[in-house]
N, C-alpha and C. Protein backbone atom coordinates (compact mmCIF):
# COMPACT_ATOMS: atom_id res chain seq x y z
N MET A 1 27.99 5.63 -39.09
CA MET A 1 28.76 6.11 -37.95
C MET A 1 29.07 4.94 -37.02
N THR A 2 30.30 4.77 -36.69
CA THR A 2 30.73 3.68 -35.83
C THR A 2 31.14 4.24 -34.48
N VAL A 3 30.66 3.58 -33.44
CA VAL A 3 31.00 4.01 -32.08
C VAL A 3 31.82 2.91 -31.44
N SER A 4 32.93 3.29 -30.89
CA SER A 4 33.79 2.32 -30.22
C SER A 4 33.29 2.08 -28.81
N LEU A 5 33.28 0.84 -28.37
CA LEU A 5 32.86 0.53 -27.01
C LEU A 5 33.85 1.07 -25.99
N LYS A 6 35.07 1.36 -26.41
CA LYS A 6 36.07 1.89 -25.50
C LYS A 6 35.73 3.31 -25.05
N SER A 7 34.86 4.01 -25.82
CA SER A 7 34.53 5.40 -25.46
C SER A 7 33.55 5.48 -24.30
N PHE A 8 32.89 4.36 -23.95
CA PHE A 8 31.95 4.36 -22.83
C PHE A 8 32.66 3.91 -21.56
N PRO A 9 32.37 4.55 -20.43
CA PRO A 9 33.03 4.13 -19.18
C PRO A 9 32.51 2.78 -18.71
N GLU A 10 33.36 2.02 -18.09
CA GLU A 10 32.97 0.74 -17.51
C GLU A 10 32.19 1.01 -16.24
N PRO A 11 31.00 0.43 -16.06
CA PRO A 11 30.20 0.68 -14.86
C PRO A 11 30.92 0.31 -13.57
N LEU A 12 31.64 -0.81 -13.56
CA LEU A 12 32.32 -1.23 -12.33
C LEU A 12 33.42 -0.25 -11.95
N GLU A 13 34.13 0.26 -12.96
CA GLU A 13 35.18 1.24 -12.66
C GLU A 13 34.57 2.50 -12.05
N ASP A 14 33.42 2.93 -12.57
CA ASP A 14 32.77 4.14 -12.06
C ASP A 14 32.26 3.94 -10.65
N LEU A 15 31.78 2.74 -10.33
CA LEU A 15 31.28 2.49 -8.98
C LEU A 15 32.40 2.50 -7.96
N GLN A 16 33.61 2.16 -8.39
CA GLN A 16 34.74 2.14 -7.47
C GLN A 16 35.29 3.53 -7.21
N LYS A 17 34.93 4.51 -8.06
CA LYS A 17 35.40 5.88 -7.85
C LYS A 17 34.70 6.48 -6.64
N GLU A 18 35.31 7.48 -6.08
CA GLU A 18 34.76 8.17 -4.90
C GLU A 18 33.53 8.97 -5.33
N PRO A 19 32.37 8.78 -4.68
CA PRO A 19 31.18 9.55 -5.05
C PRO A 19 31.32 11.00 -4.61
N ALA A 20 30.85 11.90 -5.45
CA ALA A 20 30.85 13.32 -5.10
C ALA A 20 29.55 13.64 -4.39
N ALA A 21 29.64 14.27 -3.23
CA ALA A 21 28.43 14.60 -2.45
C ALA A 21 27.63 15.68 -3.15
N ARG A 22 26.31 15.56 -3.07
CA ARG A 22 25.40 16.53 -3.67
C ARG A 22 24.40 16.99 -2.64
N LYS A 23 23.49 17.86 -3.05
CA LYS A 23 22.43 18.34 -2.16
C LYS A 23 21.56 17.17 -1.73
N ASN A 24 20.98 17.25 -0.56
CA ASN A 24 20.03 16.28 -0.01
C ASN A 24 20.61 14.86 0.06
N GLY A 25 21.92 14.75 0.18
CA GLY A 25 22.52 13.43 0.34
C GLY A 25 22.60 12.60 -0.92
N GLU A 26 22.22 13.17 -2.09
CA GLU A 26 22.32 12.41 -3.33
C GLU A 26 23.78 12.22 -3.69
N LYS A 27 24.09 11.13 -4.33
CA LYS A 27 25.46 10.87 -4.72
C LYS A 27 25.52 10.69 -6.22
N SER A 28 26.44 11.37 -6.85
CA SER A 28 26.61 11.27 -8.28
C SER A 28 27.94 10.59 -8.56
N TYR A 29 27.95 9.63 -9.44
CA TYR A 29 29.17 8.93 -9.78
C TYR A 29 29.68 9.46 -11.11
N ALA A 30 30.99 9.71 -11.17
CA ALA A 30 31.59 10.26 -12.38
C ALA A 30 31.35 9.31 -13.55
N GLY A 31 30.95 9.85 -14.66
CA GLY A 31 30.74 9.05 -15.85
C GLY A 31 29.31 8.53 -15.99
N TRP A 32 28.51 8.68 -14.96
CA TRP A 32 27.13 8.22 -15.02
C TRP A 32 26.21 9.42 -15.20
N ILE A 33 25.15 9.23 -15.94
CA ILE A 33 24.17 10.29 -16.11
C ILE A 33 23.13 10.12 -15.02
N GLY A 34 22.80 11.20 -14.33
CA GLY A 34 21.80 11.12 -13.27
C GLY A 34 22.45 10.96 -11.92
N SER A 35 21.63 10.58 -10.95
CA SER A 35 22.14 10.44 -9.59
C SER A 35 21.56 9.18 -8.96
N VAL A 36 22.20 8.73 -7.92
CA VAL A 36 21.76 7.55 -7.19
C VAL A 36 21.21 8.03 -5.86
N HIS A 37 19.93 7.79 -5.62
CA HIS A 37 19.33 8.17 -4.34
C HIS A 37 18.19 7.23 -4.03
N GLU A 38 17.74 7.28 -2.79
CA GLU A 38 16.66 6.39 -2.36
C GLU A 38 15.36 6.76 -3.06
N SER A 39 14.61 5.76 -3.46
CA SER A 39 13.36 5.97 -4.18
C SER A 39 12.26 6.45 -3.24
N ASN A 40 11.33 7.23 -3.78
CA ASN A 40 10.18 7.68 -3.01
C ASN A 40 9.12 6.59 -2.93
N PHE A 41 9.18 5.62 -3.82
CA PHE A 41 8.18 4.58 -3.87
C PHE A 41 8.51 3.48 -2.87
N LYS A 42 7.53 3.09 -2.07
CA LYS A 42 7.75 2.08 -1.03
C LYS A 42 6.99 0.79 -1.31
N ARG A 43 5.94 0.85 -2.12
CA ARG A 43 5.12 -0.33 -2.40
C ARG A 43 5.30 -0.72 -3.86
N PHE A 44 5.69 -1.96 -4.08
CA PHE A 44 5.94 -2.43 -5.43
C PHE A 44 5.06 -3.62 -5.74
N VAL A 45 4.77 -3.82 -7.03
CA VAL A 45 4.05 -5.01 -7.47
C VAL A 45 5.04 -6.16 -7.38
N GLU A 46 4.81 -7.08 -6.46
CA GLU A 46 5.71 -8.21 -6.26
C GLU A 46 4.92 -9.38 -5.70
N VAL A 47 5.44 -10.56 -5.89
CA VAL A 47 4.78 -11.76 -5.37
C VAL A 47 4.77 -11.66 -3.85
N GLY A 48 3.59 -11.84 -3.27
CA GLY A 48 3.43 -11.75 -1.83
C GLY A 48 2.86 -10.43 -1.36
N ARG A 49 2.75 -9.45 -2.25
CA ARG A 49 2.20 -8.14 -1.86
C ARG A 49 0.71 -8.28 -1.60
N VAL A 50 0.24 -7.73 -0.50
CA VAL A 50 -1.19 -7.74 -0.17
C VAL A 50 -1.82 -6.56 -0.89
N VAL A 51 -2.94 -6.82 -1.58
CA VAL A 51 -3.61 -5.79 -2.37
C VAL A 51 -5.06 -5.65 -1.92
N LEU A 52 -5.59 -4.46 -2.12
CA LEU A 52 -6.99 -4.17 -1.84
C LEU A 52 -7.71 -4.08 -3.18
N LEU A 53 -8.80 -4.82 -3.34
CA LEU A 53 -9.54 -4.83 -4.61
C LEU A 53 -10.44 -3.61 -4.67
N LYS A 54 -10.34 -2.85 -5.78
CA LYS A 54 -11.11 -1.61 -5.92
C LYS A 54 -12.44 -1.81 -6.62
N SER A 55 -12.57 -2.85 -7.43
CA SER A 55 -13.82 -3.02 -8.17
C SER A 55 -14.11 -4.50 -8.34
N GLY A 56 -15.30 -4.78 -8.84
CA GLY A 56 -15.72 -6.16 -9.04
C GLY A 56 -16.55 -6.67 -7.88
N PRO A 57 -16.92 -7.93 -7.93
CA PRO A 57 -17.77 -8.48 -6.88
C PRO A 57 -17.07 -8.58 -5.52
N ASN A 58 -15.74 -8.56 -5.51
CA ASN A 58 -14.99 -8.65 -4.25
C ASN A 58 -14.39 -7.31 -3.83
N ALA A 59 -14.95 -6.21 -4.31
CA ALA A 59 -14.41 -4.89 -3.98
C ALA A 59 -14.40 -4.68 -2.48
N GLY A 60 -13.28 -4.12 -1.99
CA GLY A 60 -13.14 -3.86 -0.56
C GLY A 60 -12.47 -4.99 0.20
N LYS A 61 -12.24 -6.13 -0.45
CA LYS A 61 -11.57 -7.25 0.21
C LYS A 61 -10.08 -7.21 -0.12
N ILE A 62 -9.29 -7.92 0.69
CA ILE A 62 -7.86 -7.99 0.41
C ILE A 62 -7.51 -9.35 -0.18
N ALA A 63 -6.44 -9.36 -0.95
CA ALA A 63 -5.93 -10.59 -1.56
C ALA A 63 -4.41 -10.48 -1.63
N ILE A 64 -3.77 -11.52 -2.11
CA ILE A 64 -2.31 -11.57 -2.19
C ILE A 64 -1.91 -11.88 -3.62
N ILE A 65 -0.91 -11.17 -4.14
CA ILE A 65 -0.40 -11.45 -5.48
C ILE A 65 0.42 -12.74 -5.40
N SER A 66 0.00 -13.75 -6.18
CA SER A 66 0.74 -15.02 -6.16
C SER A 66 1.56 -15.22 -7.43
N GLU A 67 1.26 -14.49 -8.49
CA GLU A 67 2.05 -14.59 -9.72
C GLU A 67 1.82 -13.34 -10.55
N ILE A 68 2.86 -12.87 -11.22
CA ILE A 68 2.76 -11.71 -12.09
C ILE A 68 2.65 -12.22 -13.52
N ILE A 69 1.57 -11.84 -14.20
CA ILE A 69 1.35 -12.31 -15.57
C ILE A 69 2.12 -11.43 -16.56
N ASP A 70 1.83 -10.13 -16.55
CA ASP A 70 2.52 -9.19 -17.42
C ASP A 70 2.45 -7.81 -16.77
N HIS A 71 2.68 -6.76 -17.56
CA HIS A 71 2.70 -5.41 -16.99
C HIS A 71 1.30 -4.85 -16.73
N ASN A 72 0.27 -5.62 -17.02
CA ASN A 72 -1.10 -5.16 -16.78
C ASN A 72 -1.87 -6.01 -15.78
N ARG A 73 -1.48 -7.27 -15.59
CA ARG A 73 -2.28 -8.19 -14.78
C ARG A 73 -1.41 -9.05 -13.87
N ALA A 74 -2.04 -9.51 -12.79
CA ALA A 74 -1.40 -10.45 -11.88
C ALA A 74 -2.43 -11.48 -11.46
N ILE A 75 -1.96 -12.63 -11.01
CA ILE A 75 -2.86 -13.63 -10.43
C ILE A 75 -2.91 -13.34 -8.94
N ILE A 76 -4.13 -13.11 -8.45
CA ILE A 76 -4.31 -12.83 -7.03
C ILE A 76 -5.06 -13.99 -6.40
N ASP A 77 -4.90 -14.11 -5.10
CA ASP A 77 -5.55 -15.19 -4.37
C ASP A 77 -5.83 -14.69 -2.97
N GLY A 78 -7.05 -14.89 -2.49
CA GLY A 78 -7.42 -14.49 -1.14
C GLY A 78 -8.14 -15.61 -0.42
N PRO A 79 -7.44 -16.69 -0.09
CA PRO A 79 -8.12 -17.83 0.53
C PRO A 79 -8.70 -17.51 1.91
N THR A 80 -8.11 -16.56 2.62
CA THR A 80 -8.61 -16.23 3.96
C THR A 80 -9.71 -15.18 3.92
N THR A 81 -9.92 -14.55 2.76
CA THR A 81 -10.96 -13.53 2.62
C THR A 81 -11.99 -13.90 1.57
N SER A 82 -12.02 -15.15 1.17
CA SER A 82 -12.95 -15.71 0.18
C SER A 82 -12.88 -15.01 -1.18
N VAL A 83 -11.67 -14.61 -1.57
CA VAL A 83 -11.45 -14.09 -2.93
C VAL A 83 -10.87 -15.23 -3.74
N PRO A 84 -11.55 -15.66 -4.81
CA PRO A 84 -11.04 -16.80 -5.59
C PRO A 84 -9.77 -16.43 -6.35
N ARG A 85 -8.96 -17.44 -6.63
CA ARG A 85 -7.73 -17.24 -7.42
C ARG A 85 -8.14 -16.85 -8.83
N GLN A 86 -7.61 -15.72 -9.31
CA GLN A 86 -8.00 -15.21 -10.62
C GLN A 86 -6.99 -14.19 -11.12
N ALA A 87 -7.01 -13.96 -12.43
CA ALA A 87 -6.20 -12.89 -13.02
C ALA A 87 -6.94 -11.58 -12.78
N TYR A 88 -6.20 -10.55 -12.39
CA TYR A 88 -6.82 -9.27 -12.04
C TYR A 88 -5.95 -8.15 -12.58
N PRO A 89 -6.54 -7.13 -13.22
CA PRO A 89 -5.73 -6.02 -13.73
C PRO A 89 -5.25 -5.10 -12.60
N TYR A 90 -4.04 -4.57 -12.75
CA TYR A 90 -3.46 -3.70 -11.73
C TYR A 90 -4.30 -2.45 -11.49
N LYS A 91 -4.97 -1.96 -12.54
CA LYS A 91 -5.73 -0.72 -12.37
C LYS A 91 -6.93 -0.91 -11.44
N HIS A 92 -7.29 -2.15 -11.12
CA HIS A 92 -8.37 -2.41 -10.18
C HIS A 92 -7.85 -2.89 -8.82
N LEU A 93 -6.54 -2.72 -8.60
CA LEU A 93 -5.92 -3.11 -7.33
C LEU A 93 -5.27 -1.89 -6.69
N THR A 94 -5.22 -1.88 -5.37
CA THR A 94 -4.46 -0.89 -4.63
C THR A 94 -3.44 -1.64 -3.80
N LEU A 95 -2.17 -1.28 -3.94
CA LEU A 95 -1.11 -1.95 -3.19
C LEU A 95 -1.13 -1.48 -1.75
N THR A 96 -1.02 -2.40 -0.81
CA THR A 96 -0.97 -2.05 0.61
C THR A 96 0.48 -2.19 1.09
N PRO A 97 0.79 -1.66 2.27
CA PRO A 97 2.15 -1.81 2.78
C PRO A 97 2.46 -3.23 3.28
N LEU A 98 1.46 -4.07 3.40
CA LEU A 98 1.66 -5.43 3.91
C LEU A 98 2.23 -6.35 2.83
N LYS A 99 3.04 -7.31 3.27
CA LYS A 99 3.63 -8.26 2.33
C LYS A 99 3.81 -9.61 3.03
N VAL A 100 3.51 -10.67 2.30
CA VAL A 100 3.73 -12.03 2.80
C VAL A 100 5.15 -12.42 2.38
N THR A 101 6.00 -12.67 3.36
CA THR A 101 7.39 -13.01 3.04
C THR A 101 7.52 -14.52 2.80
N GLY A 102 8.39 -14.85 1.88
CA GLY A 102 8.67 -16.26 1.61
C GLY A 102 7.69 -16.95 0.69
N LEU A 103 6.83 -16.20 0.03
CA LEU A 103 5.86 -16.81 -0.88
C LEU A 103 6.54 -17.04 -2.23
N PRO A 104 6.62 -18.29 -2.72
CA PRO A 104 7.24 -18.53 -4.02
C PRO A 104 6.32 -18.11 -5.16
N ARG A 105 6.91 -17.84 -6.32
CA ARG A 105 6.12 -17.46 -7.49
C ARG A 105 5.19 -18.59 -7.88
N GLY A 106 3.95 -18.25 -8.21
CA GLY A 106 2.99 -19.24 -8.67
C GLY A 106 2.51 -20.18 -7.59
N ALA A 107 2.63 -19.78 -6.34
CA ALA A 107 2.21 -20.64 -5.23
C ALA A 107 0.72 -20.91 -5.32
N GLY A 108 0.32 -22.11 -4.95
CA GLY A 108 -1.09 -22.50 -4.98
C GLY A 108 -1.86 -21.91 -3.81
N THR A 109 -3.17 -22.12 -3.84
CA THR A 109 -4.05 -21.57 -2.81
C THR A 109 -3.69 -22.08 -1.42
N GLY A 110 -3.32 -23.35 -1.32
CA GLY A 110 -2.96 -23.93 -0.02
C GLY A 110 -1.74 -23.25 0.60
N ALA A 111 -0.71 -23.03 -0.22
CA ALA A 111 0.50 -22.38 0.28
C ALA A 111 0.23 -20.93 0.66
N VAL A 112 -0.59 -20.25 -0.15
CA VAL A 112 -0.94 -18.86 0.16
C VAL A 112 -1.71 -18.80 1.47
N ARG A 113 -2.67 -19.70 1.65
CA ARG A 113 -3.46 -19.73 2.89
C ARG A 113 -2.56 -19.97 4.10
N LYS A 114 -1.66 -20.95 3.98
CA LYS A 114 -0.78 -21.31 5.10
C LYS A 114 0.09 -20.12 5.52
N LEU A 115 0.71 -19.45 4.55
CA LEU A 115 1.57 -18.32 4.88
C LEU A 115 0.78 -17.11 5.37
N ALA A 116 -0.42 -16.89 4.80
CA ALA A 116 -1.25 -15.76 5.23
C ALA A 116 -1.72 -15.95 6.67
N GLU A 117 -2.07 -17.18 7.02
CA GLU A 117 -2.49 -17.46 8.40
C GLU A 117 -1.30 -17.40 9.36
N LYS A 118 -0.15 -17.87 8.90
CA LYS A 118 1.05 -17.85 9.74
C LYS A 118 1.45 -16.41 10.08
N GLU A 119 1.37 -15.52 9.10
CA GLU A 119 1.76 -14.12 9.32
C GLU A 119 0.60 -13.25 9.78
N ALA A 120 -0.59 -13.83 9.95
CA ALA A 120 -1.78 -13.11 10.43
C ALA A 120 -2.05 -11.86 9.60
N ILE A 121 -2.11 -12.04 8.29
CA ILE A 121 -2.29 -10.91 7.38
C ILE A 121 -3.63 -10.22 7.58
N VAL A 122 -4.71 -11.00 7.73
CA VAL A 122 -6.04 -10.41 7.89
C VAL A 122 -6.10 -9.60 9.18
N GLU A 123 -5.52 -10.11 10.26
CA GLU A 123 -5.53 -9.39 11.54
C GLU A 123 -4.70 -8.10 11.44
N LYS A 124 -3.55 -8.17 10.76
CA LYS A 124 -2.72 -6.97 10.57
C LYS A 124 -3.50 -5.92 9.78
N TRP A 125 -4.22 -6.38 8.74
CA TRP A 125 -5.00 -5.45 7.92
C TRP A 125 -6.09 -4.80 8.76
N GLU A 126 -6.81 -5.60 9.55
CA GLU A 126 -7.91 -5.06 10.35
C GLU A 126 -7.43 -4.10 11.42
N LYS A 127 -6.19 -4.25 11.88
CA LYS A 127 -5.63 -3.34 12.89
C LYS A 127 -5.08 -2.06 12.27
N SER A 128 -4.88 -2.03 10.96
CA SER A 128 -4.29 -0.86 10.32
C SER A 128 -5.27 0.31 10.31
N SER A 129 -4.73 1.51 10.34
CA SER A 129 -5.58 2.71 10.34
C SER A 129 -6.35 2.82 9.02
N TRP A 130 -5.78 2.34 7.93
CA TRP A 130 -6.44 2.36 6.63
C TRP A 130 -7.74 1.56 6.68
N ALA A 131 -7.68 0.34 7.23
CA ALA A 131 -8.87 -0.51 7.32
C ALA A 131 -9.89 0.07 8.29
N LYS A 132 -9.41 0.66 9.39
CA LYS A 132 -10.33 1.26 10.36
C LYS A 132 -11.07 2.44 9.75
N LYS A 133 -10.38 3.26 8.96
CA LYS A 133 -11.03 4.39 8.29
C LYS A 133 -12.07 3.90 7.29
N ARG A 134 -11.72 2.85 6.53
CA ARG A 134 -12.68 2.29 5.57
C ARG A 134 -13.91 1.76 6.28
N ALA A 135 -13.72 1.11 7.44
CA ALA A 135 -14.85 0.57 8.21
C ALA A 135 -15.72 1.71 8.75
N ALA A 136 -15.08 2.79 9.21
CA ALA A 136 -15.83 3.93 9.73
C ALA A 136 -16.66 4.60 8.63
N VAL A 137 -16.07 4.74 7.46
CA VAL A 137 -16.80 5.34 6.33
C VAL A 137 -17.97 4.45 5.95
N GLU A 138 -17.75 3.15 5.91
CA GLU A 138 -18.82 2.21 5.56
C GLU A 138 -19.94 2.23 6.59
N ALA A 139 -19.57 2.31 7.87
CA ALA A 139 -20.58 2.37 8.93
C ALA A 139 -21.39 3.66 8.82
N ARG A 140 -20.71 4.74 8.51
CA ARG A 140 -21.40 6.04 8.37
C ARG A 140 -22.34 6.02 7.16
N ARG A 141 -21.90 5.37 6.08
CA ARG A 141 -22.72 5.27 4.86
C ARG A 141 -23.98 4.45 5.08
N SER A 142 -23.88 3.45 5.94
CA SER A 142 -25.00 2.53 6.11
C SER A 142 -25.99 2.99 7.18
N LEU A 143 -25.83 4.20 7.72
CA LEU A 143 -26.76 4.69 8.73
C LEU A 143 -28.14 4.92 8.13
N ASN A 144 -29.17 4.63 8.92
CA ASN A 144 -30.52 4.96 8.48
C ASN A 144 -30.86 6.37 8.99
N ASP A 145 -32.09 6.79 8.82
CA ASP A 145 -32.47 8.15 9.20
C ASP A 145 -32.30 8.39 10.69
N PHE A 146 -32.70 7.42 11.51
CA PHE A 146 -32.57 7.59 12.95
C PHE A 146 -31.09 7.65 13.36
N GLY A 147 -30.25 6.87 12.71
CA GLY A 147 -28.81 6.91 13.00
C GLY A 147 -28.22 8.27 12.69
N ARG A 148 -28.60 8.85 11.54
CA ARG A 148 -28.12 10.19 11.19
C ARG A 148 -28.62 11.22 12.19
N PHE A 149 -29.86 11.06 12.65
CA PHE A 149 -30.43 11.96 13.66
C PHE A 149 -29.64 11.87 14.96
N SER A 150 -29.30 10.65 15.40
CA SER A 150 -28.53 10.45 16.62
C SER A 150 -27.14 11.09 16.50
N VAL A 151 -26.52 10.96 15.34
CA VAL A 151 -25.21 11.57 15.11
C VAL A 151 -25.33 13.09 15.19
N MET A 152 -26.41 13.65 14.62
CA MET A 152 -26.61 15.09 14.68
C MET A 152 -26.73 15.56 16.13
N LEU A 153 -27.51 14.84 16.96
CA LEU A 153 -27.66 15.22 18.36
C LEU A 153 -26.33 15.13 19.11
N ALA A 154 -25.56 14.09 18.85
CA ALA A 154 -24.26 13.94 19.52
C ALA A 154 -23.31 15.07 19.14
N LYS A 155 -23.34 15.48 17.86
CA LYS A 155 -22.49 16.58 17.43
C LYS A 155 -22.92 17.89 18.07
N LYS A 156 -24.23 18.08 18.23
CA LYS A 156 -24.73 19.30 18.89
C LYS A 156 -24.28 19.33 20.35
N GLN A 157 -24.37 18.18 21.03
CA GLN A 157 -23.94 18.13 22.43
C GLN A 157 -22.44 18.41 22.56
N ARG A 158 -21.66 17.82 21.67
CA ARG A 158 -20.21 18.05 21.71
C ARG A 158 -19.89 19.52 21.47
N ARG A 159 -20.56 20.11 20.48
CA ARG A 159 -20.35 21.52 20.15
C ARG A 159 -20.69 22.40 21.34
N ASP A 160 -21.78 22.06 22.07
CA ASP A 160 -22.21 22.85 23.22
C ASP A 160 -21.18 22.75 24.35
N ILE A 161 -20.66 21.54 24.59
CA ILE A 161 -19.65 21.35 25.64
C ILE A 161 -18.39 22.16 25.32
N VAL A 162 -17.95 22.13 24.07
CA VAL A 162 -16.75 22.88 23.66
C VAL A 162 -17.00 24.37 23.81
N ARG A 163 -18.19 24.83 23.40
CA ARG A 163 -18.51 26.26 23.49
C ARG A 163 -18.48 26.73 24.94
N LYS A 164 -19.05 25.93 25.85
CA LYS A 164 -19.07 26.29 27.27
C LYS A 164 -17.65 26.30 27.86
N ALA A 165 -16.81 25.34 27.46
CA ALA A 165 -15.44 25.28 27.96
C ALA A 165 -14.63 26.49 27.48
N VAL A 166 -14.82 26.89 26.23
CA VAL A 166 -14.12 28.06 25.70
C VAL A 166 -14.58 29.32 26.42
N HIS A 167 -15.89 29.43 26.65
CA HIS A 167 -16.44 30.60 27.34
C HIS A 167 -15.90 30.68 28.77
N LYS A 168 -15.81 29.52 29.43
CA LYS A 168 -15.30 29.46 30.81
C LYS A 168 -13.81 29.84 30.84
N ALA A 169 -13.05 29.39 29.84
CA ALA A 169 -11.62 29.70 29.77
C ALA A 169 -11.39 31.19 29.52
N LYS A 170 -12.26 31.83 28.75
CA LYS A 170 -12.14 33.26 28.48
C LYS A 170 -12.39 34.07 29.75
N LYS A 171 -13.35 33.64 30.56
CA LYS A 171 -13.67 34.34 31.81
C LYS A 171 -12.50 34.26 32.79
N ALA A 172 -11.85 33.13 32.86
CA ALA A 172 -10.79 32.92 33.86
C ALA A 172 -9.51 33.62 33.50
C-alpha cells in the first residue's frame, strides 16, 4: 500500500487557518488530531531545576540538575547544600518549583555554586511553605517524651480556651 504525502495536510498551512473555539478555551486546528491547550504540568526535568532528594545519604537536601543523562537519570550537584556531584535516578528526586536561570548544560560545580548563591536558591527554599512544613514535621518527629507531654498540655489549654469562647458566644 502506497500513501502519497500530498494526502497529509501541511502543518504550517493548518496553523495559519482560523482556530475554531472549543469548550474551556481549547483551540482545535482543522486537519490536526487533538487540541492545543495549556499543559497542567508546571515542573519539568530541565537543566537548572532545583530538586529535593527523596532517598540516599543526602535525603531531604536540595540539589540542582546540571546535566540530563537519559530518561532515567540526571547529574545533580548541590555545592551549597553539601550534596556531591553525582548521577541520580529521577525516581529518587522530587522536582521543586524553583529553577536556576542561565545554567548551561554540564556546568561544573563552581558555576552551579556561583549561580545558586547569586539567585539565593537555599534561602528561597527555606522560605517556601514546602520547606517549612518539612521542618515542622521533622521537629515534631524528633520530640522526646517531655516534648510530647508539653504539646499535649498546650493542646488541652487551647481546646479549653476555644470551648469557653464558644460557650460565651452562645450565651450572648
